[in-house]
Amino acid sequence: QQKAMIDEATKPEGLEGLIERAKSFYFFGFFEGETGQQAPWYLRPSITFPIAFAVVGLAFYVSFAVGGISERGAQVTDELDEVILSSTAVGQALVTAFMSDINF
């Protein structure tokens, strides 16, 4: 118990304590083996993540360039849009009415 109290008293506080606690966290990794050996070069995150972003970006560009992504016609409105727009108009009218009643 005394050792626990001494350890508790010597723990860093504030930002230093937060950093020390964060260093002790372990996050499960997809790119490491169970034995702790290093993954092959082609599975390292520093290589695979940029390649994945490049592939997704290229696919988006190709889809856009060949016309797969386009905007067609005017924006469609539904009942919810009308309710929101009318409630906004009512709210603005009420604010205007209340502000005109206040004498400065």
Protein backbone atom coordinates (compact mmCIF):
# COMPACT_ATOMS: atom_id res chain seq x y z
CA GLN A 1 0.00 0.00 0.00
CA GLN A 2 2.83 2.38 0.81
CA LYS A 3 4.47 1.67 -2.54
CA ALA A 4 1.18 2.40 -4.32
CA MET A 5 0.85 5.67 -2.42
CA ILE A 6 4.42 6.66 -3.29
CA ASP A 7 3.85 5.78 -6.96
CA GLU A 8 0.62 7.79 -6.94
CA ALA A 9 2.40 10.79 -5.43
CA THR A 10 5.22 10.72 -8.00
CA LYS A 11 2.97 10.37 -11.06
CA PRO A 12 3.32 13.28 -13.46
CA GLU A 13 0.24 15.46 -13.71
CA GLY A 14 -1.31 17.58 -16.41
CA LEU A 15 0.02 17.30 -19.94
CA GLU A 16 3.03 15.22 -18.91
CA GLY A 17 0.79 12.67 -17.20
CA LEU A 18 -1.46 12.50 -20.23
CA ILE A 19 1.51 11.93 -22.54
CA GLU A 20 2.90 9.19 -20.28
CA ARG A 21 -0.48 7.44 -20.20
CA ALA A 22 -0.84 7.71 -23.99
CA LYS A 23 2.59 6.14 -24.50
CA SER A 24 1.48 3.08 -22.55
CA PHE A 25 -1.61 2.43 -24.74
CA TYR A 26 -1.44 -0.42 -27.22
CA PHE A 27 -3.45 -0.30 -30.39
CA PHE A 28 -4.07 -3.50 -32.32
CA GLY A 29 -2.28 -3.37 -35.63
CA PHE A 30 -3.12 -5.08 -38.89
CA PHE A 31 0.42 -4.71 -40.14
CA GLU A 32 2.34 -6.58 -37.50
CA GLY A 33 2.76 -10.26 -36.89
CA GLU A 34 1.80 -12.06 -33.71
CA THR A 35 5.46 -12.70 -33.05
CA GLY A 36 6.33 -9.01 -33.35
CA GLN A 37 8.35 -9.42 -36.51
CA GLN A 38 8.19 -6.67 -39.08
CA ALA A 39 5.69 -6.94 -41.93
CA PRO A 40 6.88 -7.27 -45.53
CA TRP A 41 7.67 -3.98 -47.28
CA TYR A 42 4.51 -4.05 -49.39
CA LEU A 43 2.27 -4.25 -46.29
CA ARG A 44 3.76 -1.31 -44.43
CA PRO A 45 1.25 1.49 -43.79
CA SER A 46 3.64 4.13 -45.13
CA ILE A 47 3.28 2.46 -48.54
CA THR A 48 -0.22 0.95 -48.55
CA PHE A 49 -2.19 4.00 -47.34
CA PRO A 50 -0.84 6.45 -49.96
CA ILE A 51 -1.41 3.81 -52.65
CA ALA A 52 -4.99 3.29 -51.45
CA PHE A 53 -5.69 7.05 -51.52
CA ALA A 54 -4.14 7.32 -54.98
CA VAL A 55 -6.29 4.46 -56.31
CA VAL A 56 -9.48 5.96 -54.87
CA GLY A 57 -8.58 9.41 -56.22
CA LEU A 58 -7.80 7.99 -59.66
CA ALA A 59 -11.08 6.05 -59.71
CA PHE A 60 -12.98 9.23 -58.82
CA TYR A 61 -11.19 11.19 -61.54
CA VAL A 62 -11.84 8.53 -64.17
CA SER A 63 -15.51 8.30 -63.15
CA PHE A 64 -15.87 12.07 -63.39
CA ALA A 65 -13.91 12.35 -66.66
CA VAL A 66 -16.01 9.78 -68.53
CA GLY A 67 -19.28 11.34 -67.32
CA GLY A 68 -20.19 8.85 -64.63
CA ILE A 69 -20.71 11.68 -62.14
CA SER A 70 -22.93 14.51 -63.30
CA GLU A 71 -25.67 16.81 -62.09
CA ARG A 72 -28.98 16.41 -63.84
CA GLY A 73 -31.60 19.13 -63.86
CA ALA A 74 -32.84 21.34 -61.08
CA GLN A 75 -32.74 20.36 -57.45
CA VAL A 76 -35.79 18.39 -56.35
CA THR A 77 -37.67 19.69 -53.32
CA ASP A 78 -40.09 17.73 -51.19
CA GLU A 79 -42.52 18.39 -48.34
CA LEU A 80 -39.78 18.55 -45.71
CA ASP A 81 -38.03 21.33 -47.60
CA GLU A 82 -41.29 23.31 -47.65
CA VAL A 83 -41.79 22.81 -43.90
CA ILE A 84 -38.26 23.93 -43.10
CA LEU A 85 -38.46 26.97 -45.37
CA SER A 86 -41.87 28.00 -44.01
CA SER A 87 -40.76 27.57 -40.38
CA THR A 88 -37.70 29.71 -41.09
CA ALA A 89 -39.90 32.40 -42.62
CA VAL A 90 -42.26 32.29 -39.62
CA GLY A 91 -39.31 32.53 -37.23
CA GLN A 92 -37.89 35.53 -39.05
CA ALA A 93 -41.32 37.21 -39.06
CA LEU A 94 -41.63 36.69 -35.29
CA VAL A 95 -38.18 38.11 -34.63
CA THR A 96 -38.98 41.13 -36.77
CA ALA A 97 -42.31 41.62 -34.98
CA PHE A 98 -40.72 41.40 -31.53
CA MET A 99 -37.89 43.73 -32.49
CA SER A 100 -40.33 46.35 -33.83
CA ASP A 101 -42.25 46.29 -30.50
CA ILE A 102 -39.15 47.16 -28.49
CA ASN A 103 -38.77 50.91 -28.01
CA PHE A 104 -35.21 52.12 -27.77
